PDB file of N, CA and C in Angstrom:
ATOM      1  N   MET A   1     -13.119  52.257 -71.960  1.00  0.00           N
ATOM      2  CA  MET A   1     -12.817  50.827 -71.624  1.00  0.00           C
ATOM      3  C   MET A   1     -13.664  50.143 -72.609  1.00  0.00           C
ATOM      4  N   PRO A   2     -13.321  49.194 -73.600  1.00  0.00           N
ATOM      5  CA  PRO A   2     -14.335  48.382 -74.414  1.00  0.00           C
ATOM      6  C   PRO A   2     -14.894  47.466 -73.589  1.00  0.00           C
ATOM      7  N   GLY A   3     -16.340  47.311 -74.030  1.00  0.00           N
ATOM      8  CA  GLY A   3     -17.133  46.393 -73.214  1.00  0.00           C
ATOM      9  C   GLY A   3     -17.743  46.862 -71.866  1.00  0.00           C
ATOM     10  N   ALA A   4     -17.413  48.116 -71.514  1.00  0.00           N
ATOM     11  CA  ALA A   4     -17.940  48.461 -70.248  1.00  0.00           C
ATOM     12  C   ALA A   4     -19.507  48.874 -70.349  1.00  0.00           C
ATOM     13  N   GLU A   5     -19.947  49.358 -71.605  1.00  0.00           N
ATOM     14  CA  GLU A   5     -21.294  49.641 -71.765  1.00  0.00           C
ATOM     15  C   GLU A   5     -22.006  48.440 -71.756  1.00  0.00           C
ATOM     16  N   THR A   6     -21.590  47.372 -72.530  1.00  0.00           N
ATOM     17  CA  THR A   6     -22.191  45.988 -72.567  1.00  0.00           C
ATOM     18  C   THR A   6     -22.289  45.427 -71.049  1.00  0.00           C
ATOM     19  N   THR A   7     -21.157  45.467 -70.413  1.00  0.00           N
ATOM     20  CA  THR A   7     -21.141  45.040 -69.016  1.00  0.00           C
ATOM     21  C   THR A   7     -22.237  45.636 -68.066  1.00  0.00           C
ATOM     22  N   SER A   8     -22.432  47.021 -68.115  1.00  0.00           N
ATOM     23  CA  SER A   8     -23.371  47.547 -67.385  1.00  0.00           C
ATOM     24  C   SER A   8     -24.868  47.217 -67.889  1.00  0.00           C
ATOM     25  N   LEU A   9     -25.081  47.060 -69.154  1.00  0.00           N
ATOM     26  CA  LEU A   9     -26.441  46.592 -69.636  1.00  0.00           C
ATOM     27  C   LEU A   9     -26.725  45.221 -69.071  1.00  0.00           C
ATOM     28  N   ASN A  10     -25.593  44.414 -69.186  1.00  0.00           N
ATOM     29  CA  ASN A  10     -25.844  43.021 -68.751  1.00  0.00           C
ATOM     30  C   ASN A  10     -26.186  43.036 -67.108  1.00  0.00           C
ATOM     31  N   ALA A  11     -25.551  43.803 -66.523  1.00  0.00           N
ATOM     32  CA  ALA A  11     -25.861  43.944 -64.975  1.00  0.00           C
ATOM     33  C   ALA A  11     -27.465  44.394 -64.838  1.00  0.00           C
ATOM     34  N   TYR A  12     -27.663  45.397 -65.630  1.00  0.00           N
ATOM     35  CA  TYR A  12     -29.023  45.984 -65.354  1.00  0.00           C
ATOM     36  C   TYR A  12     -30.154  45.049 -65.766  1.00  0.00           C
ATOM     37  N   ARG A  13     -29.995  44.275 -66.952  1.00  0.00           N
ATOM     38  CA  ARG A  13     -30.953  43.352 -67.396  1.00  0.00           C
ATOM     39  C   ARG A  13     -30.911  42.073 -66.421  1.00  0.00           C
ATOM     40  N   ARG A  14     -29.930  41.607 -65.955  1.00  0.00           N
ATOM     41  CA  ARG A  14     -29.900  40.576 -64.847  1.00  0.00           C
ATOM     42  C   ARG A  14     -30.690  41.041 -63.665  1.00  0.00           C
ATOM     43  N   THR A  15     -30.623  42.300 -63.271  1.00  0.00           N
ATOM     44  CA  THR A  15     -31.239  42.806 -62.103  1.00  0.00           C
ATOM     45  C   THR A  15     -32.737  42.651 -62.351  1.00  0.00           C
ATOM     46  N   VAL A  16     -33.331  43.228 -63.600  1.00  0.00           N
ATOM     47  CA  VAL A  16     -34.614  43.130 -63.957  1.00  0.00           C
ATOM     48  C   VAL A  16     -35.177  41.632 -63.915  1.00  0.00           C
ATOM     49  N   TYR A  17     -34.329  40.743 -64.535  1.00  0.00           N
ATOM     50  CA  TYR A  17     -34.724  39.407 -64.627  1.00  0.00           C
ATOM     51  C   TYR A  17     -34.863  38.839 -63.300  1.00  0.00           C
ATOM     52  N   GLU A  18     -33.915  39.024 -62.190  1.00  0.00           N
ATOM     53  CA  GLU A  18     -34.183  38.691 -60.807  1.00  0.00           C
ATOM     54  C   GLU A  18     -35.125  39.267 -59.963  1.00  0.00           C
ATOM     55  N   ASN A  19     -35.556  40.534 -60.326  1.00  0.00           N
ATOM     56  CA  ASN A  19     -36.679  41.090 -59.830  1.00  0.00           C
ATOM     57  C   ASN A  19     -37.924  40.508 -60.185  1.00  0.00           C
ATOM     58  N   GLU A  20     -38.140  40.125 -61.405  1.00  0.00           N
ATOM     59  CA  GLU A  20     -39.287  39.365 -61.941  1.00  0.00           C
ATOM     60  C   GLU A  20     -39.282  37.967 -61.693  1.00  0.00           C
ATOM     61  N   LEU A  21     -38.194  37.240 -61.728  1.00  0.00           N
ATOM     62  CA  LEU A  21     -38.126  35.657 -61.589  1.00  0.00           C
ATOM     63  C   LEU A  21     -37.352  35.046 -60.403  1.00  0.00           C
ATOM     64  N   GLU A  22     -36.726  35.881 -59.462  1.00  0.00           N
ATOM     65  CA  GLU A  22     -35.941  35.661 -58.629  1.00  0.00           C
ATOM     66  C   GLU A  22     -34.493  35.085 -59.268  1.00  0.00           C
ATOM     67  N   GLU A  23     -33.692  34.555 -58.262  1.00  0.00           N
ATOM     68  CA  GLU A  23     -32.419  34.052 -58.573  1.00  0.00           C
ATOM     69  C   GLU A  23     -32.493  32.959 -59.639  1.00  0.00           C
ATOM     70  N   PRO A  24     -31.686  32.958 -60.647  1.00  0.00           N
ATOM     71  CA  PRO A  24     -31.689  31.709 -61.577  1.00  0.00           C
ATOM     72  C   PRO A  24     -31.033  30.592 -60.901  1.00  0.00           C
ATOM     73  N   GLU A  25     -31.503  29.333 -61.286  1.00  0.00           N
ATOM     74  CA  GLU A  25     -31.090  28.124 -60.704  1.00  0.00           C
ATOM     75  C   GLU A  25     -29.698  27.719 -61.346  1.00  0.00           C
ATOM     76  N   TYR A  26     -29.641  28.156 -62.618  1.00  0.00           N
ATOM     77  CA  TYR A  26     -28.440  27.808 -63.313  1.00  0.00           C
ATOM     78  C   TYR A  26     -27.973  29.143 -63.977  1.00  0.00           C
ATOM     79  N   SER A  27     -26.728  29.209 -64.304  1.00  0.00           N
ATOM     80  CA  SER A  27     -26.264  30.345 -65.085  1.00  0.00           C
ATOM     81  C   SER A  27     -25.002  29.645 -65.817  1.00  0.00           C
ATOM     82  N   PHE A  28     -24.987  30.215 -67.122  1.00  0.00           N
ATOM     83  CA  PHE A  28     -23.819  29.739 -68.045  1.00  0.00           C
ATOM     84  C   PHE A  28     -23.308  30.931 -68.673  1.00  0.00           C
ATOM     85  N   SER A  29     -22.006  31.116 -68.693  1.00  0.00           N
ATOM     86  CA  SER A  29     -21.399  32.247 -69.436  1.00  0.00           C
ATOM     87  C   SER A  29     -20.743  31.815 -70.675  1.00  0.00           C
ATOM     88  N   ASP A  30     -20.782  32.552 -71.659  1.00  0.00           N
ATOM     89  CA  ASP A  30     -20.027  32.403 -72.900  1.00  0.00           C
ATOM     90  C   ASP A  30     -18.489  32.398 -72.747  1.00  0.00           C
ATOM     91  N   ASP A  31     -17.837  31.466 -73.375  1.00  0.00           N
ATOM     92  CA  ASP A  31     -16.387  31.265 -73.219  1.00  0.00           C
ATOM     93  C   ASP A  31     -15.528  32.520 -73.737  1.00  0.00           C
ATOM     94  N   ARG A  32     -16.233  33.200 -74.671  1.00  0.00           N
ATOM     95  CA  ARG A  32     -15.703  34.393 -75.285  1.00  0.00           C
ATOM     96  C   ARG A  32     -15.813  35.691 -74.170  1.00  0.00           C
ATOM     97  N   SER A  33     -15.292  36.790 -74.443  1.00  0.00           N
ATOM     98  CA  SER A  33     -15.198  37.811 -73.681  1.00  0.00           C
ATOM     99  C   SER A  33     -16.262  38.875 -73.822  1.00  0.00           C
ATOM    100  N   ASP A  34     -17.191  38.343 -74.721  1.00  0.00           N
ATOM    101  CA  ASP A  34     -18.299  39.268 -75.058  1.00  0.00           C
ATOM    102  C   ASP A  34     -19.452  39.485 -74.214  1.00  0.00           C
ATOM    103  N   GLY A  35     -19.589  38.771 -72.989  1.00  0.00           N
ATOM    104  CA  GLY A  35     -20.409  38.957 -72.049  1.00  0.00           C
ATOM    105  C   GLY A  35     -21.722  38.296 -72.242  1.00  0.00           C
ATOM    106  N   ILE A  36     -21.880  37.208 -72.984  1.00  0.00           N
ATOM    107  CA  ILE A  36     -23.206  36.667 -73.279  1.00  0.00           C
ATOM    108  C   ILE A  36     -23.361  35.856 -72.053  1.00  0.00           C
ATOM    109  N   GLU A  37     -24.478  35.605 -71.437  1.00  0.00           N
ATOM    110  CA  GLU A  37     -24.900  34.880 -70.342  1.00  0.00           C
ATOM    111  C   GLU A  37     -26.152  34.201 -70.627  1.00  0.00           C
ATOM    112  N   ILE A  38     -26.402  32.841 -70.212  1.00  0.00           N
ATOM    113  CA  ILE A  38     -27.650  32.241 -70.332  1.00  0.00           C
ATOM    114  C   ILE A  38     -28.104  31.878 -68.756  1.00  0.00           C
ATOM    115  N   HIS A  39     -29.311  32.179 -68.484  1.00  0.00           N
ATOM    116  CA  HIS A  39     -29.917  31.935 -67.253  1.00  0.00           C
ATOM    117  C   HIS A  39     -31.117  31.047 -67.157  1.00  0.00           C
ATOM    118  N   ALA A  40     -31.042  30.059 -66.169  1.00  0.00           N
ATOM    119  CA  ALA A  40     -32.272  29.148 -66.262  1.00  0.00           C
ATOM    120  C   ALA A  40     -33.028  29.291 -64.989  1.00  0.00           C
ATOM    121  N   PHE A  41     -34.298  29.810 -65.161  1.00  0.00           N
ATOM    122  CA  PHE A  41     -35.014  30.016 -64.018  1.00  0.00           C
ATOM    123  C   PHE A  41     -36.070  28.900 -63.910  1.00  0.00           C
ATOM    124  N   GLY A  42     -36.174  28.121 -62.767  1.00  0.00           N
ATOM    125  CA  GLY A  42     -36.952  27.009 -62.596  1.00  0.00           C
ATOM    126  C   GLY A  42     -38.519  27.635 -62.562  1.00  0.00           C
ATOM    127  N   ARG A  43     -39.473  26.945 -63.183  1.00  0.00           N
ATOM    128  CA  ARG A  43     -40.835  27.364 -63.041  1.00  0.00           C
ATOM    129  C   ARG A  43     -41.656  26.179 -62.996  1.00  0.00           C
ATOM    130  N   ASP A  44     -42.632  26.076 -62.337  1.00  0.00           N
ATOM    131  CA  ASP A  44     -43.600  24.920 -62.201  1.00  0.00           C
ATOM    132  C   ASP A  44     -44.716  25.254 -63.021  1.00  0.00           C
ATOM    133  N   PHE A  45     -44.643  25.134 -64.346  1.00  0.00           N
ATOM    134  CA  PHE A  45     -45.655  25.328 -65.323  1.00  0.00           C
ATOM    135  C   PHE A  45     -45.940  24.127 -66.044  1.00  0.00           C
ATOM    136  N   ALA A  46     -45.417  22.898 -65.709  1.00  0.00           N
ATOM    137  CA  ALA A  46     -45.517  21.743 -66.435  1.00  0.00           C
ATOM    138  C   ALA A  46     -46.910  21.112 -65.864  1.00  0.00           C
ATOM    139  N   PRO A  47     -47.450  20.202 -66.405  1.00  0.00           N
ATOM    140  CA  PRO A  47     -48.660  19.409 -65.913  1.00  0.00           C
ATOM    141  C   PRO A  47     -48.217  18.680 -64.715  1.00  0.00           C
ATOM    142  N   VAL A  48     -49.277  18.543 -63.773  1.00  0.00           N
ATOM    143  CA  VAL A  48     -49.124  17.820 -62.583  1.00  0.00           C
ATOM    144  C   VAL A  48     -48.284  16.493 -62.769  1.00  0.00           C
ATOM    145  N   GLY A  49     -47.291  16.226 -61.955  1.00  0.00           N
ATOM    146  CA  GLY A  49     -46.722  14.699 -61.938  1.00  0.00           C
ATOM    147  C   GLY A  49     -45.584  14.826 -63.127  1.00  0.00           C
ATOM    148  N   THR A  50     -45.360  15.860 -63.574  1.00  0.00           N
ATOM    149  CA  THR A  50     -44.122  15.788 -64.581  1.00  0.00           C
ATOM    150  C   THR A  50     -43.142  16.844 -63.871  1.00  0.00           C
ATOM    151  N   ASP A  51     -42.000  16.748 -64.648  1.00  0.00           N
ATOM    152  CA  ASP A  51     -41.038  17.468 -64.092  1.00  0.00           C
ATOM    153  C   ASP A  51     -41.152  19.047 -64.418  1.00  0.00           C
ATOM    154  N   GLU A  52     -40.337  19.754 -63.355  1.00  0.00           N
ATOM    155  CA  GLU A  52     -40.473  21.073 -63.510  1.00  0.00           C
ATOM    156  C   GLU A  52     -39.900  21.678 -64.880  1.00  0.00           C
ATOM    157  N   GLY A  53     -40.598  22.786 -65.372  1.00  0.00           N
ATOM    158  CA  GLY A  53     -39.828  23.328 -66.464  1.00  0.00           C
ATOM    159  C   GLY A  53     -38.949  24.471 -66.171  1.00  0.00           C
ATOM    160  N   TYR A  54     -38.322  24.960 -67.234  1.00  0.00           N
ATOM    161  CA  TYR A  54     -37.476  26.124 -67.176  1.00  0.00           C
ATOM    162  C   TYR A  54     -37.653  27.258 -67.970  1.00  0.00           C
ATOM    163  N   VAL A  55     -37.385  28.399 -67.714  1.00  0.00           N
ATOM    164  CA  VAL A  55     -37.405  29.775 -68.486  1.00  0.00           C
ATOM    165  C   VAL A  55     -35.960  29.967 -68.668  1.00  0.00           C
ATOM    166  N   LEU A  56     -35.544  29.949 -70.121  1.00  0.00           N
ATOM    167  CA  LEU A  56     -34.207  30.176 -70.388  1.00  0.00           C
ATOM    168  C   LEU A  56     -34.193  31.758 -71.015  1.00  0.00           C
ATOM    169  N   LEU A  57     -33.268  32.572 -70.389  1.00  0.00           N
ATOM    170  CA  LEU A  57     -33.051  33.874 -70.888  1.00  0.00           C
ATOM    171  C   LEU A  57     -31.745  34.123 -71.212  1.00  0.00           C
ATOM    172  N   THR A  58     -31.429  34.649 -72.291  1.00  0.00           N
ATOM    173  CA  THR A  58     -29.935  35.096 -72.812  1.00  0.00           C
ATOM    174  C   THR A  58     -29.831  36.515 -72.270  1.00  0.00           C
ATOM    175  N   ASN A  59     -28.634  36.797 -71.892  1.00  0.00           N
ATOM    176  CA  ASN A  59     -28.426  38.350 -71.553  1.00  0.00           C
ATOM    177  C   ASN A  59     -27.085  38.528 -72.246  1.00  0.00           C
ATOM    178  N   GLY A  60     -27.179  39.447 -73.271  1.00  0.00           N
ATOM    179  CA  GLY A  60     -26.082  40.062 -73.967  1.00  0.00           C
ATOM    180  C   GLY A  60     -26.102  39.774 -75.411  1.00  0.00           C
ATOM    181  N   MET A  61     -26.877  38.824 -75.891  1.00  0.00           N
ATOM    182  CA  MET A  61     -27.000  38.453 -77.173  1.00  0.00           C
ATOM    183  C   MET A  61     -27.546  39.748 -78.054  1.00  0.00           C
ATOM    184  N   SER A  62     -28.269  40.601 -77.704  1.00  0.00           N
ATOM    185  CA  SER A  62     -28.748  41.642 -78.389  1.00  0.00           C
ATOM    186  C   SER A  62     -27.833  42.735 -78.584  1.00  0.00           C
ATOM    187  N   ASP A  63     -26.729  42.613 -77.704  1.00  0.00           N
ATOM    188  CA  ASP A  63     -25.434  43.571 -77.793  1.00  0.00           C
ATOM    189  C   ASP A  63     -24.523  43.211 -78.813  1.00  0.00           C
ATOM    190  N   ARG A  64     -24.672  42.060 -79.637  1.00  0.00           N
ATOM    191  CA  ARG A  64     -23.679  41.811 -80.380  1.00  0.00           C
ATOM    192  C   ARG A  64     -24.277  41.782 -81.850  1.00  0.00           C
ATOM    193  N   ARG A  65     -23.530  41.975 -82.949  1.00  0.00           N
ATOM    194  CA  ARG A  65     -23.976  41.995 -84.393  1.00  0.00           C
ATOM    195  C   ARG A  65     -24.278  40.653 -84.658  1.00  0.00           C
ATOM    196  N   MET A  66     -25.456  40.534 -85.531  1.00  0.00           N
ATOM    197  CA  MET A  66     -25.783  39.324 -86.202  1.00  0.00           C
ATOM    198  C   MET A  66     -25.001  38.763 -87.167  1.00  0.00           C
ATOM    199  N   THR A  67     -24.536  37.593 -87.171  1.00  0.00           N
ATOM    200  CA  THR A  67     -23.750  37.130 -88.147  1.00  0.00           C
ATOM    201  C   THR A  67     -24.612  36.351 -89.158  1.00  0.00           C
ATOM    202  N   LEU A  68     -23.998  36.228 -90.539  1.00  0.00           N
ATOM    203  CA  LEU A  68     -24.557  35.639 -91.554  1.00  0.00           C
ATOM    204  C   LEU A  68     -23.850  34.259 -91.947  1.00  0.00           C
ATOM    205  N   PRO A  69     -24.443  33.374 -92.467  1.00  0.00           N
ATOM    206  CA  PRO A  69     -23.631  32.115 -92.823  1.00  0.00           C
ATOM    207  C   PRO A  69     -22.814  32.513 -94.060  1.00  0.00           C
ATOM    208  N   ALA A  70     -21.530  31.876 -94.190  1.00  0.00           N
ATOM    209  CA  ALA A  70     -20.781  32.148 -95.267  1.00  0.00           C
ATOM    210  C   ALA A  70     -21.449  31.771 -96.751  1.00  0.00           C
ATOM    211  N   SER A  71     -22.344  30.884 -96.697  1.00  0.00           N
ATOM    212  CA  SER A  71     -22.987  30.659 -98.002  1.00  0.00           C
ATOM    213  C   SER A  71     -24.537  30.495 -97.535  1.00  0.00           C
ATOM    214  N   ARG A  72     -25.114  30.962 -98.562  1.00  0.00           N
ATOM    215  CA  ARG A  72     -26.828  31.102 -98.294  1.00  0.00           C
ATOM    216  C   ARG A  72     -27.495  30.188 -99.288  1.00  0.00           C
TER     217      ARG A  72
END
């Protein structure tokens, strides 16, 4: 089954992220079927009196080949 290995790697990585950072506040999936996810984990590392910051993690991008622009 194509993509099964990527799906299991994504599930493993997400489990590791959640063990370290808890449940993400926001998650976004790539519209394509290649399994890319973006997770936003809220963190209070901003100076006092300012908004909370976020840690953004991508899950699945390292499973895809890098592309080069058509012209350099």
